[in-house]
Amino acid sequence: MNFQDIILKLDEFWGKRGCVIQQPYDLEVGA
């Protein structure tokens, strides 16, 4: 399991509880 998998699991975990995880987009572009 890599970092991205962990983020997806956390997003799914909290998404089921009505919460939304705001991921910083600067990580996606490597800034």
Protein backbone atom coordinates (compact mmCIF):
# COMPACT_ATOMS: atom_id res chain seq x y z
CA MET A 1 0.00 0.00 0.00
CA ASN A 2 1.44 3.34 -1.05
CA PHE A 3 0.62 6.87 0.07
CA GLN A 4 -2.02 7.36 -2.62
CA ASP A 5 -3.83 4.18 -1.55
CA ILE A 6 -3.90 5.44 2.04
CA ILE A 7 -5.41 8.76 0.92
CA LEU A 8 -8.07 6.95 -1.10
CA LYS A 9 -8.95 4.73 1.87
CA LEU A 10 -9.22 7.72 4.19
CA ASP A 11 -11.35 9.58 1.64
CA GLU A 12 -13.70 6.60 1.36
CA PHE A 13 -13.74 6.14 5.15
CA TRP A 14 -14.75 9.72 5.89
CA GLY A 15 -16.92 10.00 2.77
CA LYS A 16 -19.22 7.33 4.21
CA ARG A 17 -19.57 9.52 7.31
CA GLY A 18 -20.59 12.62 5.38
CA CYS A 19 -17.17 14.24 5.48
CA VAL A 20 -15.09 15.36 2.53
CA ILE A 21 -11.30 15.37 2.56
CA GLN A 22 -9.87 18.35 0.70
CA GLN A 23 -6.64 17.22 -0.92
CA PRO A 24 -4.04 19.90 -1.65
CA TYR A 25 -3.73 20.05 -5.44
CA ASP A 26 -0.14 21.30 -5.26
CA LEU A 27 0.88 17.75 -4.26
CA GLU A 28 -0.57 16.45 -7.52
CA VAL A 29 1.66 18.72 -9.62
CA GLY A 30 4.66 18.31 -7.34
CA ALA A 31 4.84 22.00 -6.43
